[in-house]
C-alpha cells in the first residue's frame, strides 16, 4: 500500500524529531482507514535500525518527561479485521507496552515513580542568568540569577497551587475559577499565599524580602516558635532578617524591587557591603571591602549592568577604589594617589 506520508517523516515522528507540522500530518494520516497497517511496518523497520542499549536511568527519566511534556498521541480507531503481517506489528507494539508496564512496576518497587524527580520539575538559573517560566496554571514567574523554582510536573492540586522558591523571583499569578490558593514556600518556615496578584520574593542566606505590586497576599511565618500571619497590600515591603525578625515598610516604587528583570540595579543609600552580597548572589563573584569604613559607604542611583565587572567598575569609579585578588576573593581597597616627586 502506498503511503501519502514518507518513511523519513514517520521515522522522525517515532524518534521525536519531527516538526509540529509533520506531527500533525502523521496524526491526521493515522485516522484514515488502512494507515495503521503501513504504520506498523514502518515501526518495525524503525526499531530494527535503532538498536537497544543499556539505559542511563537519570537520562531516561529526563527523556521520558520531555516526551510527556510535548506529547503527540496516536488516536485509537476501530479498523475491523487486521491482516496477519499487521498483527506482527501490533504484537510488537503490545510487547513494547508490556515493557513500559514492567518498567513502571520496577520504578514503583525502586521508589522512583513517586520520587521528586518524577513528580516535580525544578528550574535552576546560573549566575548572571534570568529565566521566565509559565507554570501549569498559566501563572508567570521570572527567576533571577542563582535561583531555583520547584513545582509539580503534572499540574496543581484541586485546593492549592504550591511552588518552592530558593533565591529571588517575581510572580504574576492568575486567578482560577475555583479560587485556588497560590502558595510560595521558602526554606525558612516562611510562605506567601496569594489570589491573583503580582509580587516579588527574595529569599537568600542574609534574609527574606517580599514586595507587593498589586492585589493582596498573606504571609505565614513563625514568631517565637508559634504560627503567625500578616496581610500585605500594594506598596507594602516586608523584610525578615536572619534571626527571623520581621519589619514592614512601604514603598512608592514597588516595581524597582524587580528591576533586576531588566538587568538594572536600583540603589537608595545602599551600602557597599550590601552590594558585595549582591555581586556574590547574582554573579557568583566573592567581593569584600578591605575595612569597615569602605563597607559602610553608600550609593544612590539606577544602574544598568550586564556583568559583574560593570557593577564593580561603578564602585571603583564612584568611590575611587581598586580591587586586589586574594585567592578566590576580590578585596576593595582605597585607590592610592600617585606620589609626585619634585
C-alpha atoms as a PDB file:
ATOM      1  CA  UNK A   1       0.000   0.000   0.000  1.00  0.00           C
ATOM      2  CA  UNK A   2       1.372   3.392  -0.994  1.00  0.00           C
ATOM      3  CA  UNK A   3       1.539   5.875   1.851  1.00  0.00           C
ATOM      4  CA  UNK A   4       0.931   9.621   1.457  1.00  0.00           C
ATOM      5  CA  UNK A   5       3.425  10.068   4.322  1.00  0.00           C
ATOM      6  CA  UNK A   6       7.093   9.432   3.555  1.00  0.00           C
ATOM      7  CA  UNK A   7       9.140   6.981   5.603  1.00  0.00           C
ATOM      8  CA  UNK A   8      11.545   9.733   6.656  1.00  0.00           C
ATOM      9  CA  UNK A   9       8.692  11.750   8.179  1.00  0.00           C
ATOM     10  CA  UNK A  10       7.392   8.713  10.105  1.00  0.00           C
ATOM     11  CA  UNK A  11      10.916   7.917  11.323  1.00  0.00           C
ATOM     12  CA  UNK A  12      11.326  11.500  12.523  1.00  0.00           C
ATOM     13  CA  UNK A  13       7.923  11.193  14.220  1.00  0.00           C
ATOM     14  CA  UNK A  14       8.988   7.987  16.030  1.00  0.00           C
ATOM     15  CA  UNK A  15      12.332   9.433  17.135  1.00  0.00           C
ATOM     16  CA  UNK A  16      10.761  12.643  18.454  1.00  0.00           C
ATOM     17  CA  UNK A  17      12.493  14.840  15.865  1.00  0.00           C
ATOM     18  CA  UNK A  18       9.503  15.756  13.700  1.00  0.00           C
ATOM     19  CA  UNK A  19       8.334  19.334  13.284  1.00  0.00           C
ATOM     20  CA  UNK A  20       4.879  20.352  14.594  1.00  0.00           C
ATOM     21  CA  UNK A  21       3.538  20.297  11.000  1.00  0.00           C
ATOM     22  CA  UNK A  22       4.952  16.786  10.423  1.00  0.00           C
ATOM     23  CA  UNK A  23       3.480  15.559  13.713  1.00  0.00           C
ATOM     24  CA  UNK A  24       0.056  16.882  12.752  1.00  0.00           C
ATOM     25  CA  UNK A  25       0.276  15.303   9.286  1.00  0.00           C
ATOM     26  CA  UNK A  26       1.121  11.868  10.768  1.00  0.00           C
ATOM     27  CA  UNK A  27      -1.652  12.166  13.370  1.00  0.00           C
ATOM     28  CA  UNK A  28      -4.184  13.051  10.648  1.00  0.00           C
ATOM     29  CA  UNK A  29      -2.956  10.180   8.426  1.00  0.00           C
ATOM     30  CA  UNK A  30      -3.346   7.636  11.277  1.00  0.00           C
ATOM     31  CA  UNK A  31      -7.035   8.498  11.491  1.00  0.00           C
ATOM     32  CA  UNK A  32      -7.602   7.180   7.970  1.00  0.00           C
ATOM     33  CA  UNK A  33      -8.614   3.505   7.415  1.00  0.00           C
ATOM     34  CA  UNK A  34      -5.720   1.290   6.320  1.00  0.00           C
ATOM     35  CA  UNK A  35      -2.960   3.619   7.520  1.00  0.00           C
ATOM     36  CA  UNK A  36      -2.358   1.657  10.717  1.00  0.00           C
ATOM     37  CA  UNK A  37      -1.041  -1.398   8.846  1.00  0.00           C
ATOM     38  CA  UNK A  38       1.546   0.690   6.968  1.00  0.00           C
ATOM     39  CA  UNK A  39       2.479   2.465  10.168  1.00  0.00           C
ATOM     40  CA  UNK A  40       3.132  -0.859  11.924  1.00  0.00           C
ATOM     41  CA  UNK A  41       5.515  -1.996   9.178  1.00  0.00           C
ATOM     42  CA  UNK A  42       7.365   1.324   9.357  1.00  0.00           C
ATOM     43  CA  UNK A  43       7.535   0.972  13.126  1.00  0.00           C
ATOM     44  CA  UNK A  44       9.121  -2.495  12.798  1.00  0.00           C
ATOM     45  CA  UNK A  45      11.681  -1.203  10.316  1.00  0.00           C
ATOM     46  CA  UNK A  46      12.492   1.802  12.503  1.00  0.00           C
ATOM     47  CA  UNK A  47      13.058  -0.442  15.543  1.00  0.00           C
ATOM     48  CA  UNK A  48      15.376  -2.723  13.575  1.00  0.00           C
ATOM     49  CA  UNK A  49      17.512   0.285  12.629  1.00  0.00           C
ATOM     50  CA  UNK A  50      17.637   1.619  16.181  1.00  0.00           C
ATOM     51  CA  UNK A  51      19.348  -0.990  18.305  1.00  0.00           C
ATOM     52  CA  UNK A  52      18.548  -1.118  22.020  1.00  0.00           C
ATOM     53  CA  UNK A  53      21.143  -0.245  24.658  1.00  0.00           C
ATOM     54  CA  UNK A  54      21.554  -0.282  28.418  1.00  0.00           C
ATOM     55  CA  UNK A  55      19.839   2.912  29.501  1.00  0.00           C
ATOM     56  CA  UNK A  56      21.116   5.632  31.774  1.00  0.00           C
ATOM     57  CA  UNK A  57      18.322   5.833  34.365  1.00  0.00           C
ATOM     58  CA  UNK A  58      18.699   9.565  35.024  1.00  0.00           C
ATOM     59  CA  UNK A  59      18.764  10.368  31.318  1.00  0.00           C
ATOM     60  CA  UNK A  60      15.871   8.009  30.606  1.00  0.00           C
ATOM     61  CA  UNK A  61      13.675   9.735  33.172  1.00  0.00           C
ATOM     62  CA  UNK A  62      14.603  13.148  31.773  1.00  0.00           C
ATOM     63  CA  UNK A  63      13.772  11.997  28.219  1.00  0.00           C
ATOM     64  CA  UNK A  64      10.533  10.432  29.434  1.00  0.00           C
ATOM     65  CA  UNK A  65       9.324  13.732  30.870  1.00  0.00           C
ATOM     66  CA  UNK A  66      10.456  15.632  27.825  1.00  0.00           C
ATOM     67  CA  UNK A  67       8.172  13.436  25.713  1.00  0.00           C
ATOM     68  CA  UNK A  68       5.330  13.689  28.265  1.00  0.00           C
ATOM     69  CA  UNK A  69       5.503  17.481  28.245  1.00  0.00           C
ATOM     70  CA  UNK A  70       5.431  17.561  24.414  1.00  0.00           C
ATOM     71  CA  UNK A  71       3.122  14.653  23.595  1.00  0.00           C
ATOM     72  CA  UNK A  72       1.975  13.522  20.165  1.00  0.00           C
ATOM     73  CA  UNK A  73      -0.541  10.791  20.900  1.00  0.00           C
ATOM     74  CA  UNK A  74      -1.849   8.216  18.493  1.00  0.00           C
ATOM     75  CA  UNK A  75      -5.626   8.285  18.096  1.00  0.00           C
ATOM     76  CA  UNK A  76      -7.312   4.981  18.864  1.00  0.00           C
ATOM     77  CA  UNK A  77      -9.567   3.922  15.994  1.00  0.00           C
ATOM     78  CA  UNK A  78     -11.502   0.743  15.173  1.00  0.00           C
ATOM     79  CA  UNK A  79     -10.266  -0.901  11.971  1.00  0.00           C
ATOM     80  CA  UNK A  80     -12.108  -4.248  11.955  1.00  0.00           C
ATOM     81  CA  UNK A  81     -10.034  -7.236  10.891  1.00  0.00           C
ATOM     82  CA  UNK A  82      -6.259  -6.764  10.642  1.00  0.00           C
ATOM     83  CA  UNK A  83      -4.044  -8.705   8.179  1.00  0.00           C
ATOM     84  CA  UNK A  84      -1.562 -11.233   9.599  1.00  0.00           C
ATOM     85  CA  UNK A  85       1.525  -9.117   8.866  1.00  0.00           C
ATOM     86  CA  UNK A  86      -0.037  -6.133  10.574  1.00  0.00           C
ATOM     87  CA  UNK A  87      -0.747  -8.351  13.573  1.00  0.00           C
ATOM     88  CA  UNK A  88       3.013  -8.881  13.876  1.00  0.00           C
ATOM     89  CA  UNK A  89       3.449  -5.107  14.177  1.00  0.00           C
ATOM     90  CA  UNK A  90       0.620  -4.885  16.691  1.00  0.00           C
ATOM     91  CA  UNK A  91       2.184  -7.723  18.685  1.00  0.00           C
ATOM     92  CA  UNK A  92       5.450  -5.795  18.743  1.00  0.00           C
ATOM     93  CA  UNK A  93       3.619  -2.707  19.984  1.00  0.00           C
ATOM     94  CA  UNK A  94       1.915  -4.815  22.647  1.00  0.00           C
ATOM     95  CA  UNK A  95       5.308  -6.102  23.758  1.00  0.00           C
ATOM     96  CA  UNK A  96       6.532  -2.525  23.995  1.00  0.00           C
ATOM     97  CA  UNK A  97       3.530  -1.605  26.117  1.00  0.00           C
ATOM     98  CA  UNK A  98       4.220  -4.593  28.379  1.00  0.00           C
ATOM     99  CA  UNK A  99       7.824  -3.467  28.658  1.00  0.00           C
ATOM    100  CA  UNK A 100       6.683   0.007  29.682  1.00  0.00           C
ATOM    101  CA  UNK A 101       4.340  -1.525  32.242  1.00  0.00           C
ATOM    102  CA  UNK A 102       7.193  -3.670  33.581  1.00  0.00           C
ATOM    103  CA  UNK A 103       9.434  -0.606  33.814  1.00  0.00           C
ATOM    104  CA  UNK A 104       6.756   1.271  35.729  1.00  0.00           C
ATOM    105  CA  UNK A 105       6.491  -1.705  38.131  1.00  0.00           C
ATOM    106  CA  UNK A 106      10.240  -1.566  38.675  1.00  0.00           C
ATOM    107  CA  UNK A 107      10.057   2.178  39.240  1.00  0.00           C
ATOM    108  CA  UNK A 108       7.402   1.643  41.902  1.00  0.00           C
ATOM    109  CA  UNK A 109       9.499  -1.071  43.555  1.00  0.00           C
ATOM    110  CA  UNK A 110      12.560   1.175  43.497  1.00  0.00           C
ATOM    111  CA  UNK A 111      10.608   4.113  44.889  1.00  0.00           C
ATOM    112  CA  UNK A 112      11.209   6.195  41.728  1.00  0.00           C
ATOM    113  CA  UNK A 113       7.644   6.514  40.440  1.00  0.00           C
ATOM    114  CA  UNK A 114       6.622   8.859  43.239  1.00  0.00           C
ATOM    115  CA  UNK A 115      10.021  10.471  43.743  1.00  0.00           C
ATOM    116  CA  UNK A 116      10.641  14.187  43.365  1.00  0.00           C
ATOM    117  CA  UNK A 117      12.393  13.706  40.027  1.00  0.00           C
ATOM    118  CA  UNK A 118       9.224  12.249  38.514  1.00  0.00           C
ATOM    119  CA  UNK A 119       6.564  14.282  40.261  1.00  0.00           C
ATOM    120  CA  UNK A 120       8.272  17.673  40.352  1.00  0.00           C
ATOM    121  CA  UNK A 121      10.207  19.839  37.944  1.00  0.00           C
ATOM    122  CA  UNK A 122      12.959  22.149  39.201  1.00  0.00           C
ATOM    123  CA  UNK A 123      14.274  25.088  37.206  1.00  0.00           C
ATOM    124  CA  UNK A 124      17.706  26.466  38.081  1.00  0.00           C
ATOM    125  CA  UNK A 125      19.292  29.696  36.876  1.00  0.00           C
ATOM    126  CA  UNK A 126      23.045  30.119  36.664  1.00  0.00           C
ATOM    127  CA  UNK A 127      24.987  33.146  37.854  1.00  0.00           C
ATOM    128  CA  UNK A 128      24.107  36.117  35.643  1.00  0.00           C
ATOM    129  CA  UNK A 129      21.101  34.314  34.093  1.00  0.00           C
ATOM    130  CA  UNK A 130      17.449  35.449  34.182  1.00  0.00           C
ATOM    131  CA  UNK A 131      14.730  32.985  33.153  1.00  0.00           C
ATOM    132  CA  UNK A 132      10.987  33.290  32.516  1.00  0.00           C
ATOM    133  CA  UNK A 133       8.690  30.317  33.093  1.00  0.00           C
ATOM    134  CA  UNK A 134       4.963  29.699  32.590  1.00  0.00           C
ATOM    135  CA  UNK A 135       3.528  27.410  35.264  1.00  0.00           C
ATOM    136  CA  UNK A 136       0.885  24.721  34.575  1.00  0.00           C
ATOM    137  CA  UNK A 137      -1.927  27.097  35.651  1.00  0.00           C
ATOM    138  CA  UNK A 138      -0.766  29.897  33.329  1.00  0.00           C
ATOM    139  CA  UNK A 139       0.907  31.972  36.058  1.00  0.00           C
ATOM    140  CA  UNK A 140       4.223  33.513  35.041  1.00  0.00           C
ATOM    141  CA  UNK A 141       7.458  33.533  37.012  1.00  0.00           C
ATOM    142  CA  UNK A 142      10.629  35.484  36.300  1.00  0.00           C
ATOM    143  CA  UNK A 143      13.557  33.850  38.082  1.00  0.00           C
ATOM    144  CA  UNK A 144      16.602  35.906  38.994  1.00  0.00           C
ATOM    145  CA  UNK A 145      20.193  34.662  38.794  1.00  0.00           C
ATOM    146  CA  UNK A 146      21.387  31.862  41.110  1.00  0.00           C
ATOM    147  CA  UNK A 147      17.818  30.840  41.994  1.00  0.00           C
ATOM    148  CA  UNK A 148      15.652  27.738  41.750  1.00  0.00           C
ATOM    149  CA  UNK A 149      11.931  27.076  41.485  1.00  0.00           C
ATOM    150  CA  UNK A 150      10.259  23.692  42.066  1.00  0.00           C
ATOM    151  CA  UNK A 151       6.674  22.915  41.007  1.00  0.00           C
ATOM    152  CA  UNK A 152       4.506  19.864  40.109  1.00  0.00           C
ATOM    153  CA  UNK A 153       5.068  18.474  36.605  1.00  0.00           C
ATOM    154  CA  UNK A 154       1.513  17.213  36.117  1.00  0.00           C
ATOM    155  CA  UNK A 155      -0.380  20.283  37.289  1.00  0.00           C
ATOM    156  CA  UNK A 156      -1.506  21.604  40.644  1.00  0.00           C
ATOM    157  CA  UNK A 157      -3.955  20.020  43.070  1.00  0.00           C
ATOM    158  CA  UNK A 158      -7.611  20.926  43.495  1.00  0.00           C
ATOM    159  CA  UNK A 159      -7.260  23.184  46.528  1.00  0.00           C
ATOM    160  CA  UNK A 160      -3.822  24.758  46.362  1.00  0.00           C
ATOM    161  CA  UNK A 161      -1.045  25.667  43.923  1.00  0.00           C
ATOM    162  CA  UNK A 162       2.258  25.250  45.716  1.00  0.00           C
ATOM    163  CA  UNK A 163       5.733  26.162  44.462  1.00  0.00           C
ATOM    164  CA  UNK A 164       9.076  26.195  46.267  1.00  0.00           C
ATOM    165  CA  UNK A 165      11.500  29.090  45.785  1.00  0.00           C
ATOM    166  CA  UNK A 166      15.141  29.488  46.680  1.00  0.00           C
ATOM    167  CA  UNK A 167      16.668  32.772  45.573  1.00  0.00           C
ATOM    168  CA  UNK A 168      14.639  35.583  44.010  1.00  0.00           C
ATOM    169  CA  UNK A 169      11.657  35.706  41.657  1.00  0.00           C
ATOM    170  CA  UNK A 170       8.736  37.833  40.536  1.00  0.00           C
ATOM    171  CA  UNK A 171       5.326  36.180  40.216  1.00  0.00           C
ATOM    172  CA  UNK A 172       2.316  37.137  38.127  1.00  0.00           C
ATOM    173  CA  UNK A 173      -0.424  34.834  39.412  1.00  0.00           C
ATOM    174  CA  UNK A 174      -3.626  34.110  37.506  1.00  0.00           C
ATOM    175  CA  UNK A 175      -6.974  33.746  39.224  1.00  0.00           C
ATOM    176  CA  UNK A 176      -8.735  30.379  38.881  1.00  0.00           C
ATOM    177  CA  UNK A 177     -12.459  29.653  38.657  1.00  0.00           C
ATOM    178  CA  UNK A 178     -12.218  27.579  41.842  1.00  0.00           C
ATOM    179  CA  UNK A 179     -10.319  30.281  43.785  1.00  0.00           C
ATOM    180  CA  UNK A 180      -7.283  28.068  44.257  1.00  0.00           C
ATOM    181  CA  UNK A 181      -4.755  29.451  46.696  1.00  0.00           C
ATOM    182  CA  UNK A 182      -1.281  30.079  45.267  1.00  0.00           C
ATOM    183  CA  UNK A 183       1.466  29.471  47.830  1.00  0.00           C
ATOM    184  CA  UNK A 184       5.174  30.247  47.521  1.00  0.00           C
ATOM    185  CA  UNK A 185       7.196  28.290  50.056  1.00  0.00           C
ATOM    186  CA  UNK A 186      10.752  29.148  51.084  1.00  0.00           C
ATOM    187  CA  UNK A 187      13.391  27.216  53.050  1.00  0.00           C
ATOM    188  CA  UNK A 188      12.808  29.351  56.172  1.00  0.00           C
ATOM    189  CA  UNK A 189       9.347  28.353  57.518  1.00  0.00           C
ATOM    190  CA  UNK A 190       8.075  31.353  55.597  1.00  0.00           C
ATOM    191  CA  UNK A 191       5.432  31.276  52.884  1.00  0.00           C
ATOM    192  CA  UNK A 192       3.428  33.720  50.779  1.00  0.00           C
ATOM    193  CA  UNK A 193      -0.222  32.952  49.958  1.00  0.00           C
ATOM    194  CA  UNK A 194      -1.995  34.851  47.190  1.00  0.00           C
ATOM    195  CA  UNK A 195      -5.062  35.036  44.966  1.00  0.00           C
ATOM    196  CA  UNK A 196      -4.352  36.645  41.573  1.00  0.00           C
ATOM    197  CA  UNK A 197      -1.675  39.277  42.067  1.00  0.00           C
ATOM    198  CA  UNK A 198       1.844  40.469  41.227  1.00  0.00           C
ATOM    199  CA  UNK A 199       4.643  40.357  43.774  1.00  0.00           C
ATOM    200  CA  UNK A 200       8.326  39.561  44.151  1.00  0.00           C
ATOM    201  CA  UNK A 201      10.031  37.336  46.718  1.00  0.00           C
ATOM    202  CA  UNK A 202      13.684  37.460  47.775  1.00  0.00           C
ATOM    203  CA  UNK A 203      14.878  34.590  49.965  1.00  0.00           C
ATOM    204  CA  UNK A 204      18.599  34.116  50.455  1.00  0.00           C
ATOM    205  CA  UNK A 205      21.013  33.440  53.279  1.00  0.00           C
ATOM    206  CA  UNK A 206      21.046  37.043  54.539  1.00  0.00           C
ATOM    207  CA  UNK A 207      17.266  37.317  54.819  1.00  0.00           C
ATOM    208  CA  UNK A 208      13.879  37.418  53.096  1.00  0.00           C
ATOM    209  CA  UNK A 209      12.048  40.249  51.356  1.00  0.00           C
ATOM    210  CA  UNK A 210       8.562  40.443  49.843  1.00  0.00           C
ATOM    211  CA  UNK A 211       7.277  43.378  47.772  1.00  0.00           C
ATOM    212  CA  UNK A 212       3.638  43.565  46.676  1.00  0.00           C
ATOM    213  CA  UNK A 213       2.912  45.314  43.359  1.00  0.00           C
ATOM    214  CA  UNK A 214      -0.823  44.683  43.141  1.00  0.00           C
ATOM    215  CA  UNK A 215      -3.553  42.603  44.748  1.00  0.00           C
ATOM    216  CA  UNK A 216      -3.398  41.161  48.246  1.00  0.00           C
ATOM    217  CA  UNK A 217      -1.246  38.495  49.877  1.00  0.00           C
ATOM    218  CA  UNK A 218      -0.993  36.780  53.226  1.00  0.00           C
ATOM    219  CA  UNK A 219       2.302  35.941  54.892  1.00  0.00           C
ATOM    220  CA  UNK A 220       2.567  32.833  57.072  1.00  0.00           C
ATOM    221  CA  UNK A 221       5.613  32.629  59.325  1.00  0.00           C
ATOM    222  CA  UNK A 222       6.686  31.633  62.816  1.00  0.00           C
ATOM    223  CA  UNK A 223       7.072  34.100  65.668  1.00  0.00           C
ATOM    224  CA  UNK A 224       8.683  32.839  68.872  1.00  0.00           C
ATOM    225  CA  UNK A 225       8.043  29.295  67.687  1.00  0.00           C
ATOM    226  CA  UNK A 226       4.327  29.855  67.061  1.00  0.00           C
ATOM    227  CA  UNK A 227       2.460  30.250  63.720  1.00  0.00           C
ATOM    228  CA  UNK A 228       1.774  33.893  62.820  1.00  0.00           C
ATOM    229  CA  UNK A 229       0.155  35.741  59.910  1.00  0.00           C
ATOM    230  CA  UNK A 230       0.006  39.187  58.409  1.00  0.00           C
ATOM    231  CA  UNK A 231      -1.620  40.694  55.320  1.00  0.00           C
ATOM    232  CA  UNK A 232       0.134  42.859  52.752  1.00  0.00           C
ATOM    233  CA  UNK A 233      -1.374  45.440  50.428  1.00  0.00           C
ATOM    234  CA  UNK A 234       0.073  47.136  47.311  1.00  0.00           C
ATOM    235  CA  UNK A 235       3.179  49.142  48.149  1.00  0.00           C
ATOM    236  CA  UNK A 236       3.993  47.126  51.260  1.00  0.00           C
ATOM    237  CA  UNK A 237       7.575  45.949  51.689  1.00  0.00           C
ATOM    238  CA  UNK A 238       8.258  43.183  54.190  1.00  0.00           C
ATOM    239  CA  UNK A 239      11.756  42.326  55.393  1.00  0.00           C
ATOM    240  CA  UNK A 240      12.792  39.394  57.573  1.00  0.00           C
ATOM    241  CA  UNK A 241      16.368  39.224  58.828  1.00  0.00           C
ATOM    242  CA  UNK A 242      18.474  36.128  59.536  1.00  0.00           C
ATOM    243  CA  UNK A 243      17.144  35.902  63.111  1.00  0.00           C
ATOM    244  CA  UNK A 244      13.519  35.812  61.892  1.00  0.00           C
ATOM    245  CA  UNK A 245      12.545  39.331  62.984  1.00  0.00           C
ATOM    246  CA  UNK A 246      10.027  40.964  60.609  1.00  0.00           C
ATOM    247  CA  UNK A 247       9.806  44.637  59.683  1.00  0.00           C
ATOM    248  CA  UNK A 248       7.062  46.142  57.483  1.00  0.00           C
ATOM    249  CA  UNK A 249       7.708  49.240  55.394  1.00  0.00           C
ATOM    250  CA  UNK A 250       6.027  50.996  52.487  1.00  0.00           C
ATOM    251  CA  UNK A 251       7.476  51.884  49.102  1.00  0.00           C
ATOM    252  CA  UNK A 252       6.140  54.242  46.446  1.00  0.00           C
ATOM    253  CA  UNK A 253       8.016  52.361  43.719  1.00  0.00           C
ATOM    254  CA  UNK A 254       7.491  48.598  44.274  1.00  0.00           C
ATOM    255  CA  UNK A 255       8.458  47.920  40.655  1.00  0.00           C
ATOM    256  CA  UNK A 256      12.029  48.997  41.382  1.00  0.00           C
ATOM    257  CA  UNK A 257      12.490  45.937  43.576  1.00  0.00           C
ATOM    258  CA  UNK A 258      12.229  43.746  40.478  1.00  0.00           C
ATOM    259  CA  UNK A 259      14.380  45.976  38.277  1.00  0.00           C
ATOM    260  CA  UNK A 260      16.780  43.008  38.013  1.00  0.00           C
ATOM    261  CA  UNK A 261      14.427  41.633  35.321  1.00  0.00           C
ATOM    262  CA  UNK A 262      15.794  44.389  33.072  1.00  0.00           C
ATOM    263  CA  UNK A 263      19.323  43.830  34.424  1.00  0.00           C
ATOM    264  CA  UNK A 264      19.152  47.064  36.403  1.00  0.00           C
ATOM    265  CA  UNK A 265      20.245  47.681  39.976  1.00  0.00           C
ATOM    266  CA  UNK A 266      18.387  50.418  41.862  1.00  0.00           C
ATOM    267  CA  UNK A 267      20.281  51.657  44.919  1.00  0.00           C
ATOM    268  CA  UNK A 268      18.860  54.019  47.534  1.00  0.00           C
ATOM    269  CA  UNK A 269      21.510  54.689  50.138  1.00  0.00           C
ATOM    270  CA  UNK A 270      22.728  51.121  49.662  1.00  0.00           C
ATOM    271  CA  UNK A 271      25.998  50.348  51.484  1.00  0.00           C
ATOM    272  CA  UNK A 272      28.976  48.856  49.641  1.00  0.00           C
ATOM    273  CA  UNK A 273      28.830  45.793  51.916  1.00  0.00           C
ATOM    274  CA  UNK A 274      25.309  45.000  50.628  1.00  0.00           C
ATOM    275  CA  UNK A 275      26.381  45.492  47.007  1.00  0.00           C
ATOM    276  CA  UNK A 276      29.165  42.977  47.648  1.00  0.00           C
ATOM    277  CA  UNK A 277      26.496  40.480  48.727  1.00  0.00           C
ATOM    278  CA  UNK A 278      24.510  41.213  45.542  1.00  0.00           C
ATOM    279  CA  UNK A 279      27.611  40.501  43.451  1.00  0.00           C
ATOM    280  CA  UNK A 280      28.008  37.101  45.089  1.00  0.00           C
ATOM    281  CA  UNK A 281      24.316  36.195  44.892  1.00  0.00           C
ATOM    282  CA  UNK A 282      23.810  37.231  41.265  1.00  0.00           C
ATOM    283  CA  UNK A 283      27.201  36.593  39.672  1.00  0.00           C
ATOM    284  CA  UNK A 284      28.977  34.150  41.974  1.00  0.00           C
ATOM    285  CA  UNK A 285      31.863  36.594  42.490  1.00  0.00           C
ATOM    286  CA  UNK A 286      33.135  37.000  46.056  1.00  0.00           C
ATOM    287  CA  UNK A 287      33.896  40.667  46.791  1.00  0.00           C
ATOM    288  CA  UNK A 288      34.698  42.079  50.218  1.00  0.00           C
ATOM    289  CA  UNK A 289      35.555  45.602  51.483  1.00  0.00           C
ATOM    290  CA  UNK A 290      39.041  45.712  52.983  1.00  0.00           C
ATOM    291  CA  UNK A 291      37.783  47.649  56.008  1.00  0.00           C
ATOM    292  CA  UNK A 292      34.564  48.706  57.712  1.00  0.00           C
ATOM    293  CA  UNK A 293      34.745  52.286  56.501  1.00  0.00           C
ATOM    294  CA  UNK A 294      34.613  51.228  52.841  1.00  0.00           C
ATOM    295  CA  UNK A 295      31.810  48.772  53.574  1.00  0.00           C
ATOM    296  CA  UNK A 296      29.663  51.498  55.139  1.00  0.00           C
ATOM    297  CA  UNK A 297      29.891  53.896  52.195  1.00  0.00           C
ATOM    298  CA  UNK A 298      26.546  54.175  50.425  1.00  0.00           C
ATOM    299  CA  UNK A 299      25.369  54.863  46.900  1.00  0.00           C
ATOM    300  CA  UNK A 300      22.103  56.023  45.309  1.00  0.00           C
ATOM    301  CA  UNK A 301      21.205  55.624  41.652  1.00  0.00           C
ATOM    302  CA  UNK A 302      19.824  53.450  38.877  1.00  0.00           C
ATOM    303  CA  UNK A 303      22.476  51.412  37.084  1.00  0.00           C
ATOM    304  CA  UNK A 304      22.126  49.023  34.146  1.00  0.00           C
ATOM    305  CA  UNK A 305      24.767  46.299  34.234  1.00  0.00           C
ATOM    306  CA  UNK A 306      25.139  43.060  32.271  1.00  0.00           C
ATOM    307  CA  UNK A 307      28.185  41.664  34.081  1.00  0.00           C
ATOM    308  CA  UNK A 308      29.817  41.774  37.493  1.00  0.00           C
ATOM    309  CA  UNK A 309      32.695  43.778  36.032  1.00  0.00           C
ATOM    310  CA  UNK A 310      30.333  46.588  35.038  1.00  0.00           C
ATOM    311  CA  UNK A 311      28.972  46.764  38.582  1.00  0.00           C
ATOM    312  CA  UNK A 312      32.478  46.662  40.034  1.00  0.00           C
ATOM    313  CA  UNK A 313      33.505  49.483  37.690  1.00  0.00           C
ATOM    314  CA  UNK A 314      30.733  51.627  39.190  1.00  0.00           C
ATOM    315  CA  UNK A 315      32.091  51.045  42.707  1.00  0.00           C
ATOM    316  CA  UNK A 316      35.646  51.719  41.582  1.00  0.00           C
ATOM    317  CA  UNK A 317      34.684  54.968  39.865  1.00  0.00           C
ATOM    318  CA  UNK A 318      32.263  56.371  42.449  1.00  0.00           C
ATOM    319  CA  UNK A 319      34.404  55.626  45.499  1.00  0.00           C
ATOM    320  CA  UNK A 320      37.880  55.729  43.909  1.00  0.00           C
ATOM    321  CA  UNK A 321      38.513  52.085  44.776  1.00  0.00           C
ATOM    322  CA  UNK A 322      40.716  49.390  43.357  1.00  0.00           C
ATOM    323  CA  UNK A 323      40.416  45.607  43.545  1.00  0.00           C
ATOM    324  CA  UNK A 324      43.117  43.173  44.563  1.00  0.00           C
ATOM    325  CA  UNK A 325      42.653  39.425  44.271  1.00  0.00           C
ATOM    326  CA  UNK A 326      43.345  37.292  47.330  1.00  0.00           C
ATOM    327  CA  UNK A 327      42.805  33.615  46.456  1.00  0.00           C
ATOM    328  CA  UNK A 328      39.146  33.445  45.333  1.00  0.00           C
ATOM    329  CA  UNK A 329      38.144  36.855  46.779  1.00  0.00           C
ATOM    330  CA  UNK A 330      38.323  40.346  45.302  1.00  0.00           C
ATOM    331  CA  UNK A 331      39.176  42.864  48.018  1.00  0.00           C
ATOM    332  CA  UNK A 332      38.170  46.517  47.705  1.00  0.00           C
ATOM    333  CA  UNK A 333      40.872  48.990  48.676  1.00  0.00           C
ATOM    334  CA  UNK A 334      41.059  52.764  48.550  1.00  0.00           C
ATOM    335  CA  UNK A 335      42.956  53.730  45.431  1.00  0.00           C
ATOM    336  CA  UNK A 336      46.338  55.159  46.272  1.00  0.00           C
ATOM    337  CA  UNK A 337      47.118  58.624  44.917  1.00  0.00           C
ATOM    338  CA  UNK A 338      50.289  58.609  42.811  1.00  0.00           C
ATOM    339  CA  UNK A 339      53.296  60.101  44.547  1.00  0.00           C
ATOM    340  CA  UNK A 340      54.613  63.212  42.836  1.00  0.00           C
ATOM    341  CA  UNK A 341      58.328  63.929  43.193  1.00  0.00           C
ATOM    342  CA  UNK A 342      59.659  67.444  42.754  1.00  0.00           C
END
